[in-house]
Amino acid sequence: MKSCVFPGSFDPVTQGHMDLIRRAAKMFDRVTVTVMINIRKKGALTPAKRVKLLKKACEGMENVRVDRWDGLLADYMREKGETCVIRGVRNAAEYASESAAAAINKLLNPEMETVMIPASDGLAHVSSSAVRELAIFGGDVRAFVPENVAEEIAAALANK
């Protein structure tokens, strides 16, 4: 069985994330979307809320499951017996950052491989940070997040 892990903070899940999940689901028998903690960012939504939103956003995607991990990605991959990580890249700077992270992960867990998937046309500008800012100031986030969780995301972030 070909499987992969798509890790991220997903704070909140965006159309860009969903595009990558759908594309990975076509390439792999199983995709595990894993909510991780990014110590460089203060989370706007709790990890439990992010998991809930992702599960709802991924409803109907039979080969996609959602998980959560509070430690290092290399340790998660080892514990779960996974070897392939997918990462989305929107631009050259992100590619450089993801390449560095992939090299570090490979040192920590030599079994790990990272597959980078470029953002689809029209989605390179979509980021969780932009969605958070838009929602906090009362803007309409519906074009940037999955339709079935848009209201929940807007309500949760409006209170920040």
N, C-alpha and C. Protein backbone atom coordinates (compact mmCIF):
# COMPACT_ATOMS: atom_id res chain seq x y z
N MET A 1 0.84 -1.18 0.00
CA MET A 1 0.00 0.00 0.00
C MET A 1 0.89 1.24 0.00
N LYS A 2 0.61 2.13 -0.92
CA LYS A 2 1.32 3.41 -0.96
C LYS A 2 0.59 4.39 -0.05
N SER A 3 1.32 4.95 0.91
CA SER A 3 0.70 5.90 1.82
C SER A 3 1.63 7.09 2.03
N CYS A 4 1.05 8.18 2.48
CA CYS A 4 1.84 9.38 2.77
C CYS A 4 1.23 10.12 3.93
N VAL A 5 2.02 11.01 4.48
CA VAL A 5 1.59 11.88 5.56
C VAL A 5 1.70 13.32 5.05
N PHE A 6 0.65 14.08 5.28
CA PHE A 6 0.65 15.51 4.97
C PHE A 6 0.58 16.25 6.30
N PRO A 7 1.74 16.67 6.82
CA PRO A 7 1.76 17.37 8.11
C PRO A 7 1.60 18.87 7.93
N GLY A 8 1.08 19.52 8.94
CA GLY A 8 0.96 20.97 8.91
C GLY A 8 0.26 21.47 10.15
N SER A 9 0.24 22.77 10.30
CA SER A 9 -0.49 23.34 11.44
C SER A 9 -1.98 23.51 11.12
N PHE A 10 -2.31 23.74 9.85
CA PHE A 10 -3.71 23.84 9.40
C PHE A 10 -4.51 24.78 10.30
N ASP A 11 -4.00 25.99 10.47
CA ASP A 11 -4.56 26.95 11.42
C ASP A 11 -5.07 28.21 10.72
N PRO A 12 -6.16 28.13 9.96
CA PRO A 12 -7.06 27.00 9.71
C PRO A 12 -6.75 26.31 8.38
N VAL A 13 -7.51 25.25 8.10
CA VAL A 13 -7.43 24.57 6.82
C VAL A 13 -7.89 25.53 5.72
N THR A 14 -7.18 25.50 4.59
CA THR A 14 -7.49 26.40 3.47
C THR A 14 -7.81 25.61 2.21
N GLN A 15 -8.23 26.32 1.17
CA GLN A 15 -8.45 25.70 -0.14
C GLN A 15 -7.14 25.14 -0.68
N GLY A 16 -6.02 25.79 -0.38
CA GLY A 16 -4.72 25.29 -0.80
C GLY A 16 -4.41 23.94 -0.17
N HIS A 17 -4.67 23.82 1.14
CA HIS A 17 -4.49 22.53 1.81
C HIS A 17 -5.37 21.46 1.16
N MET A 18 -6.63 21.81 0.94
CA MET A 18 -7.57 20.83 0.39
C MET A 18 -7.16 20.40 -1.02
N ASP A 19 -6.64 21.32 -1.80
CA ASP A 19 -6.17 20.98 -3.13
C ASP A 19 -5.05 19.94 -3.04
N LEU A 20 -4.12 20.15 -2.13
CA LEU A 20 -3.02 19.19 -1.95
C LEU A 20 -3.54 17.85 -1.45
N ILE A 21 -4.48 17.86 -0.54
CA ILE A 21 -5.05 16.62 -0.02
C ILE A 21 -5.73 15.84 -1.15
N ARG A 22 -6.53 16.52 -1.96
CA ARG A 22 -7.21 15.85 -3.08
C ARG A 22 -6.20 15.27 -4.08
N ARG A 23 -5.18 16.04 -4.38
CA ARG A 23 -4.17 15.58 -5.33
C ARG A 23 -3.39 14.39 -4.77
N ALA A 24 -3.03 14.46 -3.50
CA ALA A 24 -2.31 13.34 -2.87
C ALA A 24 -3.20 12.10 -2.81
N ALA A 25 -4.49 12.30 -2.56
CA ALA A 25 -5.42 11.16 -2.48
C ALA A 25 -5.53 10.41 -3.81
N LYS A 26 -5.23 11.09 -4.91
CA LYS A 26 -5.21 10.42 -6.22
C LYS A 26 -3.93 9.64 -6.43
N MET A 27 -2.85 10.06 -5.79
CA MET A 27 -1.54 9.43 -5.98
C MET A 27 -1.26 8.30 -4.98
N PHE A 28 -1.90 8.35 -3.82
CA PHE A 28 -1.61 7.40 -2.75
C PHE A 28 -2.87 6.65 -2.35
N ASP A 29 -2.66 5.43 -1.86
CA ASP A 29 -3.79 4.64 -1.37
C ASP A 29 -4.35 5.20 -0.07
N ARG A 30 -3.46 5.79 0.74
CA ARG A 30 -3.90 6.38 2.00
C ARG A 30 -3.11 7.67 2.25
N VAL A 31 -3.83 8.71 2.66
CA VAL A 31 -3.22 10.00 3.03
C VAL A 31 -3.61 10.27 4.48
N THR A 32 -2.61 10.51 5.31
CA THR A 32 -2.87 10.88 6.69
C THR A 32 -2.51 12.35 6.86
N VAL A 33 -3.51 13.17 7.07
CA VAL A 33 -3.32 14.59 7.30
C VAL A 33 -3.09 14.74 8.81
N THR A 34 -1.92 15.25 9.17
CA THR A 34 -1.55 15.28 10.59
C THR A 34 -1.37 16.71 11.08
N VAL A 35 -2.19 17.07 12.05
CA VAL A 35 -2.10 18.39 12.67
C VAL A 35 -0.90 18.37 13.60
N MET A 36 0.03 19.29 13.34
CA MET A 36 1.26 19.40 14.12
C MET A 36 1.28 20.76 14.81
N ILE A 37 2.19 20.90 15.75
CA ILE A 37 2.37 22.16 16.45
C ILE A 37 3.60 22.85 15.85
N ASN A 38 3.44 24.10 15.43
CA ASN A 38 4.55 24.89 14.92
C ASN A 38 4.96 25.84 16.03
N ILE A 39 6.12 25.59 16.63
CA ILE A 39 6.54 26.40 17.79
C ILE A 39 6.88 27.83 17.40
N ARG A 40 7.03 28.10 16.09
CA ARG A 40 7.32 29.47 15.65
C ARG A 40 6.05 30.31 15.50
N LYS A 41 4.89 29.66 15.63
CA LYS A 41 3.62 30.37 15.45
C LYS A 41 2.74 30.19 16.68
N LYS A 42 2.06 31.25 17.07
CA LYS A 42 1.06 31.14 18.12
C LYS A 42 -0.25 30.74 17.44
N GLY A 43 -0.77 29.60 17.79
CA GLY A 43 -1.98 29.10 17.15
C GLY A 43 -3.20 29.94 17.48
N ALA A 44 -4.03 30.18 16.47
CA ALA A 44 -5.28 30.90 16.67
C ALA A 44 -6.39 29.93 17.07
N LEU A 45 -6.34 28.72 16.51
CA LEU A 45 -7.32 27.69 16.82
C LEU A 45 -6.63 26.58 17.61
N THR A 46 -7.35 25.96 18.52
CA THR A 46 -6.74 24.86 19.28
C THR A 46 -6.47 23.69 18.33
N PRO A 47 -5.49 22.87 18.64
CA PRO A 47 -5.26 21.69 17.81
C PRO A 47 -6.50 20.80 17.68
N ALA A 48 -7.27 20.66 18.73
CA ALA A 48 -8.49 19.85 18.67
C ALA A 48 -9.49 20.45 17.67
N LYS A 49 -9.61 21.76 17.64
CA LYS A 49 -10.51 22.43 16.70
C LYS A 49 -10.01 22.23 15.27
N ARG A 50 -8.71 22.31 15.06
CA ARG A 50 -8.15 22.09 13.72
C ARG A 50 -8.44 20.67 13.23
N VAL A 51 -8.29 19.69 14.12
CA VAL A 51 -8.60 18.30 13.76
C VAL A 51 -10.07 18.18 13.37
N LYS A 52 -10.94 18.77 14.18
CA LYS A 52 -12.39 18.72 13.91
C LYS A 52 -12.71 19.33 12.55
N LEU A 53 -12.16 20.50 12.26
CA LEU A 53 -12.41 21.17 10.99
C LEU A 53 -11.88 20.36 9.81
N LEU A 54 -10.69 19.79 9.96
CA LEU A 54 -10.12 18.96 8.89
C LEU A 54 -10.96 17.72 8.63
N LYS A 55 -11.40 17.07 9.69
CA LYS A 55 -12.25 15.88 9.51
C LYS A 55 -13.51 16.23 8.74
N LYS A 56 -14.10 17.35 9.08
CA LYS A 56 -15.31 17.78 8.38
C LYS A 56 -15.00 18.14 6.93
N ALA A 57 -13.89 18.86 6.72
CA ALA A 57 -13.51 19.27 5.36
C ALA A 57 -13.18 18.06 4.48
N CYS A 58 -12.70 16.99 5.07
CA CYS A 58 -12.30 15.79 4.31
C CYS A 58 -13.40 14.73 4.24
N GLU A 59 -14.60 15.04 4.73
CA GLU A 59 -15.70 14.08 4.66
C GLU A 59 -15.89 13.60 3.22
N GLY A 60 -16.09 12.31 3.07
CA GLY A 60 -16.31 11.73 1.76
C GLY A 60 -15.04 11.32 1.04
N MET A 61 -13.91 11.68 1.57
CA MET A 61 -12.63 11.28 0.97
C MET A 61 -12.20 9.98 1.67
N GLU A 62 -12.55 8.86 1.05
CA GLU A 62 -12.42 7.55 1.69
C GLU A 62 -11.00 7.17 2.09
N ASN A 63 -10.01 7.63 1.37
CA ASN A 63 -8.63 7.23 1.68
C ASN A 63 -7.84 8.30 2.45
N VAL A 64 -8.58 9.24 3.04
CA VAL A 64 -7.94 10.31 3.83
C VAL A 64 -8.38 10.18 5.28
N ARG A 65 -7.41 10.23 6.16
CA ARG A 65 -7.72 10.26 7.59
C ARG A 65 -6.97 11.42 8.22
N VAL A 66 -7.43 11.84 9.39
CA VAL A 66 -6.84 12.99 10.09
C VAL A 66 -6.30 12.52 11.42
N ASP A 67 -5.12 12.98 11.77
CA ASP A 67 -4.46 12.60 13.01
C ASP A 67 -3.85 13.85 13.63
N ARG A 68 -3.26 13.68 14.81
CA ARG A 68 -2.63 14.81 15.52
C ARG A 68 -1.35 14.31 16.17
N TRP A 69 -0.33 15.17 16.20
CA TRP A 69 0.94 14.81 16.83
C TRP A 69 1.56 16.07 17.41
N ASP A 70 2.07 15.95 18.62
CA ASP A 70 2.65 17.11 19.31
C ASP A 70 4.17 17.13 19.31
N GLY A 71 4.81 16.17 18.67
CA GLY A 71 6.26 16.09 18.70
C GLY A 71 6.89 16.32 17.34
N LEU A 72 8.07 15.73 17.15
CA LEU A 72 8.80 15.84 15.90
C LEU A 72 8.18 14.98 14.81
N LEU A 73 8.17 15.50 13.60
CA LEU A 73 7.63 14.75 12.46
C LEU A 73 8.40 13.45 12.26
N ALA A 74 9.73 13.48 12.39
CA ALA A 74 10.54 12.27 12.20
C ALA A 74 10.12 11.17 13.17
N ASP A 75 9.79 11.54 14.40
CA ASP A 75 9.33 10.56 15.39
C ASP A 75 7.95 10.02 15.03
N TYR A 76 7.08 10.90 14.57
CA TYR A 76 5.74 10.46 14.14
C TYR A 76 5.85 9.43 13.02
N MET A 77 6.68 9.74 12.04
CA MET A 77 6.83 8.85 10.89
C MET A 77 7.36 7.48 11.34
N ARG A 78 8.32 7.48 12.22
CA ARG A 78 8.88 6.23 12.74
C ARG A 78 7.81 5.44 13.50
N GLU A 79 7.10 6.12 14.39
CA GLU A 79 6.09 5.44 15.21
C GLU A 79 4.95 4.87 14.37
N LYS A 80 4.55 5.58 13.33
CA LYS A 80 3.43 5.14 12.49
C LYS A 80 3.86 4.22 11.36
N GLY A 81 5.17 4.03 11.19
CA GLY A 81 5.67 3.17 10.11
C GLY A 81 5.49 3.79 8.74
N GLU A 82 5.49 5.11 8.68
CA GLU A 82 5.34 5.83 7.42
C GLU A 82 6.70 6.28 6.90
N THR A 83 6.83 6.42 5.60
CA THR A 83 8.10 6.85 5.02
C THR A 83 7.99 8.06 4.10
N CYS A 84 6.80 8.39 3.63
CA CYS A 84 6.63 9.46 2.64
C CYS A 84 5.86 10.64 3.23
N VAL A 85 6.47 11.80 3.12
CA VAL A 85 5.84 13.06 3.54
C VAL A 85 5.56 13.87 2.30
N ILE A 86 4.39 14.49 2.23
CA ILE A 86 4.14 15.43 1.14
C ILE A 86 4.11 16.84 1.73
N ARG A 87 4.64 17.78 0.97
CA ARG A 87 4.63 19.18 1.37
C ARG A 87 4.24 20.00 0.16
N GLY A 88 3.42 20.98 0.38
CA GLY A 88 3.05 21.91 -0.67
C GLY A 88 4.04 23.07 -0.69
N VAL A 89 4.34 23.54 -1.89
CA VAL A 89 5.21 24.71 -2.01
C VAL A 89 4.56 25.73 -2.92
N ARG A 90 4.55 26.99 -2.46
CA ARG A 90 3.89 28.06 -3.20
C ARG A 90 4.87 28.94 -3.96
N ASN A 91 6.14 28.94 -3.54
CA ASN A 91 7.12 29.83 -4.17
C ASN A 91 8.53 29.32 -3.87
N ALA A 92 9.53 30.03 -4.42
CA ALA A 92 10.92 29.60 -4.27
C ALA A 92 11.38 29.65 -2.81
N ALA A 93 10.95 30.64 -2.07
CA ALA A 93 11.35 30.75 -0.67
C ALA A 93 10.81 29.56 0.12
N GLU A 94 9.58 29.19 -0.13
CA GLU A 94 9.00 28.04 0.56
C GLU A 94 9.71 26.75 0.16
N TYR A 95 10.10 26.64 -1.12
CA TYR A 95 10.84 25.47 -1.57
C TYR A 95 12.16 25.35 -0.81
N ALA A 96 12.85 26.46 -0.64
CA ALA A 96 14.13 26.45 0.08
C ALA A 96 13.92 26.02 1.53
N SER A 97 12.90 26.55 2.16
CA SER A 97 12.60 26.21 3.55
C SER A 97 12.22 24.73 3.68
N GLU A 98 11.38 24.25 2.79
CA GLU A 98 10.95 22.85 2.83
C GLU A 98 12.10 21.90 2.51
N SER A 99 13.02 22.31 1.63
CA SER A 99 14.19 21.49 1.32
C SER A 99 15.07 21.33 2.56
N ALA A 100 15.26 22.42 3.29
CA ALA A 100 16.06 22.37 4.52
C ALA A 100 15.39 21.46 5.55
N ALA A 101 14.08 21.59 5.71
CA ALA A 101 13.35 20.75 6.66
C ALA A 101 13.44 19.27 6.25
N ALA A 102 13.34 19.00 4.96
CA ALA A 102 13.43 17.62 4.47
C ALA A 102 14.80 17.03 4.78
N ALA A 103 15.86 17.83 4.62
CA ALA A 103 17.22 17.34 4.90
C ALA A 103 17.38 17.02 6.39
N ILE A 104 16.86 17.88 7.24
CA ILE A 104 16.94 17.63 8.69
C ILE A 104 16.14 16.38 9.05
N ASN A 105 14.93 16.25 8.51
CA ASN A 105 14.11 15.07 8.78
C ASN A 105 14.81 13.80 8.32
N LYS A 106 15.49 13.86 7.19
CA LYS A 106 16.21 12.70 6.65
C LYS A 106 17.34 12.29 7.59
N LEU A 107 18.01 13.27 8.20
CA LEU A 107 19.05 12.96 9.18
C LEU A 107 18.45 12.31 10.42
N LEU A 108 17.29 12.81 10.85
CA LEU A 108 16.64 12.26 12.05
C LEU A 108 16.01 10.90 11.81
N ASN A 109 15.54 10.69 10.58
CA ASN A 109 14.88 9.43 10.23
C ASN A 109 15.25 9.11 8.78
N PRO A 110 16.31 8.32 8.57
CA PRO A 110 16.79 8.05 7.21
C PRO A 110 15.77 7.38 6.29
N GLU A 111 14.71 6.82 6.85
CA GLU A 111 13.67 6.17 6.03
C GLU A 111 12.73 7.18 5.37
N MET A 112 12.73 8.41 5.84
CA MET A 112 11.79 9.42 5.36
C MET A 112 12.18 9.96 3.99
N GLU A 113 11.18 10.14 3.15
CA GLU A 113 11.33 10.83 1.88
C GLU A 113 10.29 11.93 1.84
N THR A 114 10.65 13.07 1.27
CA THR A 114 9.72 14.19 1.16
C THR A 114 9.42 14.44 -0.31
N VAL A 115 8.14 14.52 -0.63
CA VAL A 115 7.68 14.82 -1.98
C VAL A 115 7.06 16.21 -1.93
N MET A 116 7.61 17.11 -2.73
CA MET A 116 7.07 18.48 -2.76
C MET A 116 6.15 18.64 -3.95
N ILE A 117 4.98 19.18 -3.67
CA ILE A 117 3.96 19.37 -4.69
C ILE A 117 3.72 20.88 -4.84
N PRO A 118 3.92 21.39 -6.05
CA PRO A 118 3.69 22.84 -6.24
C PRO A 118 2.21 23.19 -6.12
N ALA A 119 1.96 24.38 -5.63
CA ALA A 119 0.58 24.87 -5.52
C ALA A 119 -0.06 24.94 -6.90
N SER A 120 -1.32 24.62 -6.95
CA SER A 120 -2.08 24.73 -8.19
C SER A 120 -2.25 26.20 -8.57
N ASP A 121 -2.43 26.43 -9.87
CA ASP A 121 -2.68 27.80 -10.35
C ASP A 121 -3.83 28.41 -9.56
N GLY A 122 -3.65 29.62 -9.15
CA GLY A 122 -4.70 30.35 -8.45
C GLY A 122 -4.73 30.13 -6.95
N LEU A 123 -3.86 29.25 -6.43
CA LEU A 123 -3.88 28.99 -4.99
C LEU A 123 -2.58 29.36 -4.29
N ALA A 124 -1.58 29.80 -5.03
CA ALA A 124 -0.29 30.13 -4.42
C ALA A 124 -0.39 31.29 -3.43
N HIS A 125 -1.39 32.11 -3.56
CA HIS A 125 -1.55 33.27 -2.67
C HIS A 125 -2.32 32.92 -1.39
N VAL A 126 -2.92 31.74 -1.33
CA VAL A 126 -3.76 31.36 -0.18
C VAL A 126 -2.88 30.84 0.95
N SER A 127 -3.02 31.44 2.13
CA SER A 127 -2.29 30.98 3.31
C SER A 127 -3.19 31.07 4.53
N SER A 128 -2.89 30.23 5.51
CA SER A 128 -3.64 30.29 6.76
C SER A 128 -3.49 31.65 7.43
N SER A 129 -2.29 32.23 7.33
CA SER A 129 -2.06 33.55 7.93
C SER A 129 -2.98 34.60 7.33
N ALA A 130 -3.12 34.59 6.01
CA ALA A 130 -4.00 35.55 5.34
C ALA A 130 -5.45 35.33 5.75
N VAL A 131 -5.86 34.07 5.85
CA VAL A 131 -7.23 33.76 6.26
C VAL A 131 -7.48 34.25 7.68
N ARG A 132 -6.53 34.01 8.57
CA ARG A 132 -6.69 34.47 9.96
C ARG A 132 -6.85 35.99 10.01
N GLU A 133 -5.99 36.70 9.31
CA GLU A 133 -6.06 38.16 9.32
C GLU A 133 -7.38 38.66 8.74
N LEU A 134 -7.79 38.08 7.64
CA LEU A 134 -9.05 38.46 7.01
C LEU A 134 -10.22 38.25 7.97
N ALA A 135 -10.27 37.07 8.60
CA ALA A 135 -11.38 36.75 9.51
C ALA A 135 -11.38 37.65 10.75
N ILE A 136 -10.22 37.89 11.31
CA ILE A 136 -10.13 38.70 12.52
C ILE A 136 -10.67 40.10 12.28
N PHE A 137 -10.47 40.62 11.06
CA PHE A 137 -10.96 41.96 10.74
C PHE A 137 -12.33 41.94 10.07
N GLY A 138 -13.02 40.78 10.15
CA GLY A 138 -14.40 40.71 9.68
C GLY A 138 -14.57 40.50 8.19
N GLY A 139 -13.49 40.16 7.49
CA GLY A 139 -13.59 39.91 6.05
C GLY A 139 -14.23 38.56 5.74
N ASP A 140 -14.59 38.37 4.51
CA ASP A 140 -15.25 37.15 4.05
C ASP A 140 -14.18 36.12 3.64
N VAL A 141 -14.11 35.00 4.36
CA VAL A 141 -13.08 33.99 4.11
C VAL A 141 -13.55 32.87 3.19
N ARG A 142 -14.80 32.92 2.74
CA ARG A 142 -15.38 31.78 2.01
C ARG A 142 -14.61 31.38 0.76
N ALA A 143 -13.96 32.29 0.07
CA ALA A 143 -13.22 31.95 -1.14
C ALA A 143 -11.91 31.23 -0.84
N PHE A 144 -11.48 31.25 0.41
CA PHE A 144 -10.16 30.75 0.77
C PHE A 144 -10.15 29.47 1.60
N VAL A 145 -11.33 29.06 2.09
CA VAL A 145 -11.42 27.87 2.95
C VAL A 145 -12.50 26.93 2.40
N PRO A 146 -12.47 25.66 2.82
CA PRO A 146 -13.51 24.73 2.35
C PRO A 146 -14.90 25.24 2.71
N GLU A 147 -15.81 25.13 1.76
CA GLU A 147 -17.16 25.66 1.92
C GLU A 147 -17.88 25.11 3.15
N ASN A 148 -17.71 23.80 3.42
CA ASN A 148 -18.47 23.19 4.51
C ASN A 148 -17.95 23.54 5.91
N VAL A 149 -16.83 24.26 5.99
CA VAL A 149 -16.33 24.70 7.30
C VAL A 149 -16.11 26.21 7.37
N ALA A 150 -16.49 26.92 6.32
CA ALA A 150 -16.23 28.37 6.24
C ALA A 150 -16.86 29.14 7.40
N GLU A 151 -18.12 28.86 7.70
CA GLU A 151 -18.79 29.60 8.78
C GLU A 151 -18.15 29.32 10.13
N GLU A 152 -17.79 28.06 10.37
CA GLU A 152 -17.13 27.70 11.63
C GLU A 152 -15.79 28.40 11.79
N ILE A 153 -15.03 28.43 10.71
CA ILE A 153 -13.72 29.10 10.75
C ILE A 153 -13.91 30.59 11.00
N ALA A 154 -14.80 31.22 10.27
CA ALA A 154 -15.04 32.65 10.44
C ALA A 154 -15.46 32.97 11.86
N ALA A 155 -16.37 32.18 12.42
CA ALA A 155 -16.85 32.42 13.79
C ALA A 155 -15.73 32.22 14.81
N ALA A 156 -14.96 31.17 14.65
CA ALA A 156 -13.88 30.89 15.60
C ALA A 156 -12.81 31.97 15.57
N LEU A 157 -12.49 32.48 14.38
CA LEU A 157 -11.43 33.47 14.28
C LEU A 157 -11.92 34.88 14.57
N ALA A 158 -13.20 35.15 14.43
CA ALA A 158 -13.73 36.49 14.71
C ALA A 158 -13.57 36.86 16.16
N ASN A 159 -13.45 35.86 17.03
CA ASN A 159 -13.33 36.10 18.46
C ASN A 159 -11.89 36.30 18.92
N LYS A 160 -10.95 36.34 18.01
CA LYS A 160 -9.52 36.43 18.38
C LYS A 160 -9.08 37.86 18.54
